[in-house]
C-alpha atoms as a PDB file:
ATOM      1  CA  LEU A   1      -7.031  -6.163  14.862  1.00  0.00           C
ATOM      2  CA  ALA A   2      -8.815  -3.235  16.506  1.00  0.00           C
ATOM      3  CA  GLU A   3     -11.389  -5.614  17.971  1.00  0.00           C
ATOM      4  CA  VAL A   4      -8.564  -7.605  19.557  1.00  0.00           C
ATOM      5  CA  LYS A   5      -7.709  -4.412  21.461  1.00  0.00           C
ATOM      6  CA  GLY A   6     -11.290  -4.149  22.697  1.00  0.00           C
ATOM      7  CA  LEU A   7     -12.406  -1.460  20.248  1.00  0.00           C
ATOM      8  CA  LYS A   8     -15.619  -1.674  18.235  1.00  0.00           C
ATOM      9  CA  PRO A   9     -15.095  -0.347  14.705  1.00  0.00           C
ATOM     10  CA  SER A  10     -17.994  -0.722  12.279  1.00  0.00           C
ATOM     11  CA  ILE A  11     -16.948  -3.734  10.202  1.00  0.00           C
ATOM     12  CA  SER A  12     -19.987  -3.521   7.919  1.00  0.00           C
ATOM     13  CA  ASN A  13     -19.323   0.169   7.257  1.00  0.00           C
ATOM     14  CA  GLY A  14     -15.687  -0.614   6.550  1.00  0.00           C
ATOM     15  CA  ILE A  15     -16.513  -3.374   4.054  1.00  0.00           C
ATOM     16  CA  PHE A  16     -19.047  -1.125   2.297  1.00  0.00           C
ATOM     17  CA  SER A  17     -16.567   1.757   2.173  1.00  0.00           C
ATOM     18  CA  VAL A  18     -13.698  -0.300   0.794  1.00  0.00           C
ATOM     19  CA  SER A  19     -16.013  -1.818  -1.819  1.00  0.00           C
ATOM     20  CA  LEU A  20     -17.217   1.630  -2.909  1.00  0.00           C
ATOM     21  CA  LEU A  21     -13.653   2.962  -3.159  1.00  0.00           C
ATOM     22  CA  TYR A  22     -12.598   0.063  -5.369  1.00  0.00           C
ATOM     23  CA  LEU A  23     -15.711   0.236  -7.518  1.00  0.00           C
ATOM     24  CA  SER A  24     -15.356   3.984  -8.058  1.00  0.00           C
ATOM     25  CA  ALA A  25     -11.714   3.594  -9.109  1.00  0.00           C
ATOM     26  CA  LEU A  26     -12.582   0.661 -11.355  1.00  0.00           C
ATOM     27  CA  ILE A  27     -15.645   2.173 -13.012  1.00  0.00           C
ATOM     28  CA  VAL A  28     -14.477   5.795 -13.358  1.00  0.00           C
ATOM     29  CA  PRO A  29     -10.663   5.596 -13.503  1.00  0.00           C
ATOM     30  CA  HIS A  30     -10.228   8.809 -15.519  1.00  0.00           C
ATOM     31  CA  ASN A  31     -11.935  11.126 -13.021  1.00  0.00           C
ATOM     32  CA  ARG A  32      -9.510   9.933 -10.387  1.00  0.00           C
ATOM     33  CA  LEU A  33      -8.909  12.723  -7.877  1.00  0.00           C
ATOM     34  CA  ASP A  34     -12.341  14.349  -8.109  1.00  0.00           C
ATOM     35  CA  MET A  35     -14.106  11.012  -7.779  1.00  0.00           C
ATOM     36  CA  LEU A  36     -11.844   9.763  -4.980  1.00  0.00           C
ATOM     37  CA  SER A  37     -12.225  13.002  -2.980  1.00  0.00           C
ATOM     38  CA  ALA A  38     -16.006  12.944  -3.361  1.00  0.00           C
ATOM     39  CA  VAL A  39     -16.268   9.271  -2.391  1.00  0.00           C
ATOM     40  CA  ILE A  40     -14.031   9.670   0.679  1.00  0.00           C
ATOM     41  CA  ALA A  41     -15.989  12.738   1.827  1.00  0.00           C
ATOM     42  CA  PHE A  42     -19.250  10.804   1.437  1.00  0.00           C
ATOM     43  CA  LEU A  43     -17.861   7.778   3.288  1.00  0.00           C
ATOM     44  CA  ILE A  44     -16.573   9.815   6.237  1.00  0.00           C
ATOM     45  CA  ILE A  45     -19.970  11.497   6.598  1.00  0.00           C
ATOM     46  CA  ALA A  46     -21.661   8.081   6.285  1.00  0.00           C
ATOM     47  CA  THR A  47     -19.382   6.688   9.006  1.00  0.00           C
ATOM     48  CA  MET A  48     -20.291   9.560  11.333  1.00  0.00           C
ATOM     49  CA  PHE A  49     -23.974   8.887  10.631  1.00  0.00           C
ATOM     50  CA  VAL A  50     -23.549   5.179  11.404  1.00  0.00           C
ATOM     51  CA  PHE A  51     -22.019   5.924  14.801  1.00  0.00           C
ATOM     52  CA  VAL A  52     -24.581   8.635  15.620  1.00  0.00           C
ATOM     53  CA  ILE A  53     -27.534   6.270  15.118  1.00  0.00           C
ATOM     54  CA  LYS A  54     -25.911   3.355  16.956  1.00  0.00           C
ATOM     55  CA  LYS A  55     -27.812   2.511  20.120  1.00  0.00           C
ATOM     56  CA  ASP A  56     -24.837   1.167  22.062  1.00  0.00           C
ATOM     57  CA  VAL A  57     -22.889   4.403  22.487  1.00  0.00           C
ATOM     58  CA  ALA A  58     -19.553   3.545  24.080  1.00  0.00           C
ATOM     59  CA  ALA A  59     -16.917   5.670  25.766  1.00  0.00           C
ATOM     60  CA  SER A  60     -14.625   4.864  22.835  1.00  0.00           C
ATOM     61  CA  SER A  61     -17.110   5.826  20.094  1.00  0.00           C
ATOM     62  CA  PHE A  62     -14.862   8.583  18.732  1.00  0.00           C
ATOM     63  CA  VAL A  63     -11.879   6.223  18.586  1.00  0.00           C
ATOM     64  CA  ASP A  64     -14.026   3.473  17.048  1.00  0.00           C
ATOM     65  CA  ALA A  65     -15.173   5.850  14.292  1.00  0.00           C
ATOM     66  CA  ALA A  66     -11.605   7.046  13.684  1.00  0.00           C
ATOM     67  CA  VAL A  67     -10.337   3.464  13.447  1.00  0.00           C
ATOM     68  CA  THR A  68     -13.105   2.634  10.971  1.00  0.00           C
ATOM     69  CA  VAL A  69     -12.164   5.572   8.728  1.00  0.00           C
ATOM     70  CA  MET A  70      -8.450   4.821   9.026  1.00  0.00           C
ATOM     71  CA  GLY A  71      -9.094   1.188   8.136  1.00  0.00           C
ATOM     72  CA  TYR A  72     -10.936   1.753   4.878  1.00  0.00           C
ATOM     73  CA  ILE A  73      -8.715   4.613   3.735  1.00  0.00           C
ATOM     74  CA  TYR A  74      -5.589   2.563   4.493  1.00  0.00           C
ATOM     75  CA  ILE A  75      -6.864  -0.385   2.444  1.00  0.00           C
ATOM     76  CA  GLY A  76      -8.892   1.653  -0.040  1.00  0.00           C
ATOM     77  CA  PHE A  77      -6.027   3.735  -1.417  1.00  0.00           C
ATOM     78  CA  PHE A  78      -4.702   0.601  -3.087  1.00  0.00           C
ATOM     79  CA  SER A  79      -7.653   1.020  -5.477  1.00  0.00           C
ATOM     80  CA  LEU A  80      -5.586   3.696  -7.235  1.00  0.00           C
ATOM     81  CA  ILE A  81      -3.774   0.836  -8.950  1.00  0.00           C
ATOM     82  CA  PHE A  82      -6.801   0.647 -11.279  1.00  0.00           C
ATOM     83  CA  CYS A  83      -6.249   4.294 -12.187  1.00  0.00           C
ATOM     84  CA  ILE A  84      -2.573   3.664 -12.914  1.00  0.00           C
ATOM     85  CA  ARG A  85      -3.494   0.653 -15.044  1.00  0.00           C
ATOM     86  CA  GLU A  86      -5.845   2.747 -17.185  1.00  0.00           C
ATOM     87  CA  VAL A  87      -3.176   5.246 -18.296  1.00  0.00           C
ATOM     88  CA  PRO A  88      -3.488   5.374 -22.120  1.00  0.00           C
ATOM     89  CA  GLY A  89      -0.715   4.696 -24.624  1.00  0.00           C
ATOM     90  CA  THR A  90       1.632   1.851 -25.479  1.00  0.00           C
ATOM     91  CA  ILE A  91       5.331   1.118 -25.066  1.00  0.00           C
ATOM     92  CA  ALA A  92       7.364  -0.889 -27.558  1.00  0.00           C
ATOM     93  CA  VAL A  93       9.236  -3.809 -25.976  1.00  0.00           C
ATOM     94  CA  GLY A  94      11.189  -5.465 -28.762  1.00  0.00           C
ATOM     95  CA  ARG A  95       8.644  -6.822 -31.215  1.00  0.00           C
ATOM     96  CA  PHE A  96       5.850  -6.469 -28.697  1.00  0.00           C
ATOM     97  CA  ALA A  97       3.794  -3.563 -27.434  1.00  0.00           C
ATOM     98  CA  ILE A  98       2.638  -3.215 -23.833  1.00  0.00           C
ATOM     99  CA  ASP A  99       0.095  -0.781 -22.425  1.00  0.00           C
ATOM    100  CA  GLN A 100       1.621   2.238 -20.680  1.00  0.00           C
ATOM    101  CA  GLY A 101      -0.564   1.645 -17.639  1.00  0.00           C
ATOM    102  CA  ALA A 102       0.388  -2.028 -17.418  1.00  0.00           C
ATOM    103  CA  ALA A 103       4.075  -1.075 -17.598  1.00  0.00           C
ATOM    104  CA  MET A 104       3.635   1.336 -14.673  1.00  0.00           C
ATOM    105  CA  VAL A 105       1.848  -1.300 -12.607  1.00  0.00           C
ATOM    106  CA  LEU A 106       4.667  -3.765 -13.292  1.00  0.00           C
ATOM    107  CA  LEU A 107       7.258  -1.195 -12.234  1.00  0.00           C
ATOM    108  CA  LEU A 108       5.359  -0.422  -9.028  1.00  0.00           C
ATOM    109  CA  VAL A 109       4.671  -4.036  -8.043  1.00  0.00           C
ATOM    110  CA  PHE A 110       8.166  -5.327  -8.798  1.00  0.00           C
ATOM    111  CA  ALA A 111       9.885  -2.435  -7.007  1.00  0.00           C
ATOM    112  CA  SER A 112       7.679  -2.906  -3.925  1.00  0.00           C
ATOM    113  CA  CYS A 113       7.812  -6.694  -3.745  1.00  0.00           C
ATOM    114  CA  PHE A 114      11.519  -7.076  -4.455  1.00  0.00           C
ATOM    115  CA  THR A 115      12.300  -4.510  -1.777  1.00  0.00           C
ATOM    116  CA  ASP A 116      10.747  -6.921   0.718  1.00  0.00           C
ATOM    117  CA  ILE A 117      12.659  -9.866  -0.751  1.00  0.00           C
ATOM    118  CA  GLY A 118      15.946  -7.961  -0.799  1.00  0.00           C
ATOM    119  CA  SER A 119      15.485  -6.795   2.785  1.00  0.00           C
ATOM    120  CA  TYR A 120      14.930 -10.359   3.938  1.00  0.00           C
ATOM    121  CA  PHE A 121      17.978 -11.857   2.239  1.00  0.00           C
ATOM    122  CA  PHE A 122      20.373  -8.996   3.001  1.00  0.00           C
ATOM    123  CA  GLY A 123      19.177  -9.027   6.585  1.00  0.00           C
ATOM    124  CA  LYS A 124      19.768 -12.776   6.853  1.00  0.00           C
ATOM    125  CA  LEU A 125      23.247 -12.529   5.344  1.00  0.00           C
ATOM    126  CA  PHE A 126      24.591  -9.294   6.800  1.00  0.00           C
ATOM    127  CA  GLY A 127      22.142  -8.082   9.443  1.00  0.00           C
ATOM    128  CA  LYS A 128      23.782  -6.949  12.696  1.00  0.00           C
ATOM    129  CA  HIS A 129      22.220  -3.621  13.656  1.00  0.00           C
ATOM    130  CA  LYS A 130      18.538  -3.534  14.624  1.00  0.00           C
ATOM    131  CA  LEU A 131      16.373  -1.132  12.637  1.00  0.00           C
ATOM    132  CA  CYS A 132      13.235  -0.770  14.817  1.00  0.00           C
ATOM    133  CA  PRO A 133      13.504  -3.374  17.576  1.00  0.00           C
ATOM    134  CA  HIS A 134      10.476  -1.917  19.409  1.00  0.00           C
ATOM    135  CA  ILE A 135       8.322  -2.709  16.354  1.00  0.00           C
ATOM    136  CA  SER A 136      10.007  -5.558  14.467  1.00  0.00           C
ATOM    137  CA  PRO A 137      12.949  -7.203  16.282  1.00  0.00           C
ATOM    138  CA  ASN A 138      14.136  -9.123  13.215  1.00  0.00           C
ATOM    139  CA  LYS A 139      14.548  -6.162  10.849  1.00  0.00           C
ATOM    140  CA  THR A 140      18.049  -4.736  10.506  1.00  0.00           C
ATOM    141  CA  VAL A 141      19.674  -1.624   9.075  1.00  0.00           C
ATOM    142  CA  GLU A 142      21.692  -3.803   6.698  1.00  0.00           C
ATOM    143  CA  GLY A 143      18.522  -5.506   5.487  1.00  0.00           C
ATOM    144  CA  SER A 144      16.824  -2.148   4.979  1.00  0.00           C
ATOM    145  CA  VAL A 145      19.710  -0.759   2.924  1.00  0.00           C
ATOM    146  CA  GLY A 146      19.859  -3.997   0.929  1.00  0.00           C
ATOM    147  CA  GLY A 147      16.136  -3.736   0.257  1.00  0.00           C
ATOM    148  CA  ILE A 148      16.539  -0.195  -1.053  1.00  0.00           C
ATOM    149  CA  PHE A 149      19.369  -1.230  -3.376  1.00  0.00           C
ATOM    150  CA  THR A 150      17.277  -4.174  -4.567  1.00  0.00           C
ATOM    151  CA  GLY A 151      14.319  -1.900  -5.237  1.00  0.00           C
ATOM    152  CA  ILE A 152      16.501   0.501  -7.220  1.00  0.00           C
ATOM    153  CA  ALA A 153      18.118  -2.335  -9.184  1.00  0.00           C
ATOM    154  CA  VAL A 154      14.763  -3.884 -10.084  1.00  0.00           C
ATOM    155  CA  SER A 155      13.372  -0.481 -11.078  1.00  0.00           C
ATOM    156  CA  LEU A 156      16.358   0.107 -13.364  1.00  0.00           C
ATOM    157  CA  LEU A 157      15.964  -3.342 -14.906  1.00  0.00           C
ATOM    158  CA  ILE A 158      12.222  -2.973 -15.484  1.00  0.00           C
ATOM    159  CA  GLY A 159      12.742   0.601 -16.612  1.00  0.00           C
ATOM    160  CA  LYS A 160      15.295  -0.465 -19.206  1.00  0.00           C
ATOM    161  CA  LEU A 161      13.065  -3.254 -20.510  1.00  0.00           C
ATOM    162  CA  LEU A 162      10.143  -0.844 -20.787  1.00  0.00           C
ATOM    163  CA  SER A 163      12.161   2.047 -22.235  1.00  0.00           C
ATOM    164  CA  PHE A 164      11.670   4.352 -19.241  1.00  0.00           C
ATOM    165  CA  ASN A 165      14.122   7.151 -18.479  1.00  0.00           C
ATOM    166  CA  MET A 166      16.859   5.580 -16.328  1.00  0.00           C
ATOM    167  CA  ILE A 167      17.228   8.551 -13.978  1.00  0.00           C
ATOM    168  CA  ASP A 168      13.494   8.569 -13.332  1.00  0.00           C
ATOM    169  CA  ALA A 169      13.479   4.801 -12.832  1.00  0.00           C
ATOM    170  CA  MET A 170      16.361   5.040 -10.349  1.00  0.00           C
ATOM    171  CA  TRP A 171      14.854   7.668  -8.077  1.00  0.00           C
ATOM    172  CA  PHE A 172      11.422   6.049  -8.433  1.00  0.00           C
ATOM    173  CA  GLY A 173      12.972   2.834  -7.101  1.00  0.00           C
ATOM    174  CA  LEU A 174      14.635   4.745  -4.257  1.00  0.00           C
ATOM    175  CA  VAL A 175      11.417   6.422  -3.124  1.00  0.00           C
ATOM    176  CA  ILE A 176       9.186   3.377  -3.577  1.00  0.00           C
ATOM    177  CA  SER A 177      11.572   0.974  -1.806  1.00  0.00           C
ATOM    178  CA  THR A 178      11.879   3.362   1.149  1.00  0.00           C
ATOM    179  CA  VAL A 179       8.115   3.784   1.501  1.00  0.00           C
ATOM    180  CA  ALA A 180       7.568   0.045   0.948  1.00  0.00           C
ATOM    181  CA  GLN A 181       9.570  -0.627   4.095  1.00  0.00           C
ATOM    182  CA  MET A 182       7.582   2.021   5.923  1.00  0.00           C
ATOM    183  CA  GLY A 183       4.413   0.157   4.922  1.00  0.00           C
ATOM    184  CA  ASP A 184       5.851  -3.068   6.280  1.00  0.00           C
ATOM    185  CA  LEU A 185       6.827  -1.413   9.568  1.00  0.00           C
ATOM    186  CA  TRP A 186       3.434   0.266   9.905  1.00  0.00           C
ATOM    187  CA  GLU A 187       1.640  -3.053   9.579  1.00  0.00           C
ATOM    188  CA  SER A 188       4.059  -4.592  12.093  1.00  0.00           C
ATOM    189  CA  LEU A 189       3.259  -1.725  14.460  1.00  0.00           C
ATOM    190  CA  ILE A 190      -0.476  -2.422  14.156  1.00  0.00           C
ATOM    191  CA  LYS A 191       0.054  -6.110  14.923  1.00  0.00           C
ATOM    192  CA  ARG A 192       2.365  -5.387  17.842  1.00  0.00           C
ATOM    193  CA  ASP A 193      -0.130  -2.887  19.245  1.00  0.00           C
ATOM    194  CA  ALA A 194      -2.804  -5.582  19.059  1.00  0.00           C
ATOM    195  CA  SER A 195      -0.381  -8.170  20.519  1.00  0.00           C
ATOM    196  CA  VAL A 196      -0.844 -10.620  17.637  1.00  0.00           C
ATOM    197  CA  LYS A 197       1.786 -12.365  15.540  1.00  0.00           C
ATOM    198  CA  ASP A 198      -0.192 -12.677  12.296  1.00  0.00           C
ATOM    199  CA  SER A 199      -2.799 -10.387  10.778  1.00  0.00           C
ATOM    200  CA  GLY A 200      -4.891 -13.402   9.757  1.00  0.00           C
ATOM    201  CA  SER A 201      -4.910 -17.118   9.055  1.00  0.00           C
ATOM    202  CA  ALA A 202      -5.820 -17.099   5.345  1.00  0.00           C
ATOM    203  CA  LEU A 203      -2.164 -17.544   4.321  1.00  0.00           C
ATOM    204  CA  PRO A 204      -0.498 -19.839   6.873  1.00  0.00           C
ATOM    205  CA  GLY A 205       3.205 -19.116   7.261  1.00  0.00           C
ATOM    206  CA  HIS A 206       2.926 -15.710   5.562  1.00  0.00           C
ATOM    207  CA  GLY A 207       1.444 -13.717   8.414  1.00  0.00           C
ATOM    208  CA  GLY A 208      -1.916 -13.148   6.739  1.00  0.00           C
ATOM    209  CA  ILE A 209      -3.112 -11.437   3.565  1.00  0.00           C
ATOM    210  CA  LEU A 210      -2.441  -7.998   5.043  1.00  0.00           C
ATOM    211  CA  ASP A 211       1.260  -8.863   5.227  1.00  0.00           C
ATOM    212  CA  ARG A 212       1.349  -9.523   1.459  1.00  0.00           C
ATOM    213  CA  PHE A 213      -0.064  -6.089   0.619  1.00  0.00           C
ATOM    214  CA  ASP A 214       1.218  -3.840   3.411  1.00  0.00           C
ATOM    215  CA  SER A 215       3.929  -2.307   1.206  1.00  0.00           C
ATOM    216  CA  LEU A 216       1.600  -1.713  -1.747  1.00  0.00           C
ATOM    217  CA  PHE A 217      -0.992  -0.011   0.454  1.00  0.00           C
ATOM    218  CA  LEU A 218       1.440   2.907   0.837  1.00  0.00           C
ATOM    219  CA  THR A 219       3.464   2.724  -2.381  1.00  0.00           C
ATOM    220  CA  THR A 220       0.428   2.675  -4.711  1.00  0.00           C
ATOM    221  CA  PRO A 221      -0.965   6.123  -3.793  1.00  0.00           C
ATOM    222  CA  LEU A 222       2.576   7.485  -3.767  1.00  0.00           C
ATOM    223  CA  ALA A 223       3.265   6.051  -7.231  1.00  0.00           C
ATOM    224  CA  PHE A 224      -0.011   7.522  -8.442  1.00  0.00           C
ATOM    225  CA  PHE A 225       1.073  11.027  -7.450  1.00  0.00           C
ATOM    226  CA  ILE A 226       4.591  10.504  -8.812  1.00  0.00           C
ATOM    227  CA  PHE A 227       3.187   9.492 -12.197  1.00  0.00           C
ATOM    228  CA  LYS A 228       0.771  12.416 -12.082  1.00  0.00           C
ATOM    229  CA  TYR A 229       3.628  14.806 -11.236  1.00  0.00           C
ATOM    230  CA  PHE A 230       5.347  13.725 -14.415  1.00  0.00           C
ATOM    231  CA  SER A 231       2.128  14.444 -16.321  1.00  0.00           C
ATOM    232  CA  VAL A 232       1.578  10.784 -17.170  1.00  0.00           C
ATOM    233  CA  LEU A 233      -1.790  10.547 -15.422  1.00  0.00           C
END
């Protein structure tokens, strides 16, 4: 998307950085913050090094480097879902037992995804007032509110099934559904800035793979810190 705008981010550096972020979260999930901070610091320094040794120094080199860092941090933070998944313990669900980490991932994914679904249907049925017409002309205030209520409802349902505290599940749904919509709008802003309709062609009719994960890119790190705040991680 940055290349469409005429910028020259380091794609190879970005792919390497994202891969390292995911591998570090997957291999060492229990040293989460220390490992993540160290890896990000290393990657930012590595990105600076890559642009320093490049022979084709451009007037936009600083912006190109910044876009590269923003790109792999934006996508790389989703790797924290591995850390959430590895939370120890089990939860009794009827006659079955489910891992604590798996239950948290389910809560996060369902709250994020159903916010998007709820926003779409409430917007189609009741949408009259534009939410951010300069970014996404089809999104409405009514759809946004409906998405938040859907996110809260799904969080309460999943929370009840998984024996979570209902008050915690309710405000978790409120926060996650709000940020999920922010993630959607942010990705729409990137596409509009690049003057493209879809972020890719891998999923025809769905706007690209980035569109399927834009909410989770922001809600996953937020959920990680929420769970950590409650001394679960």
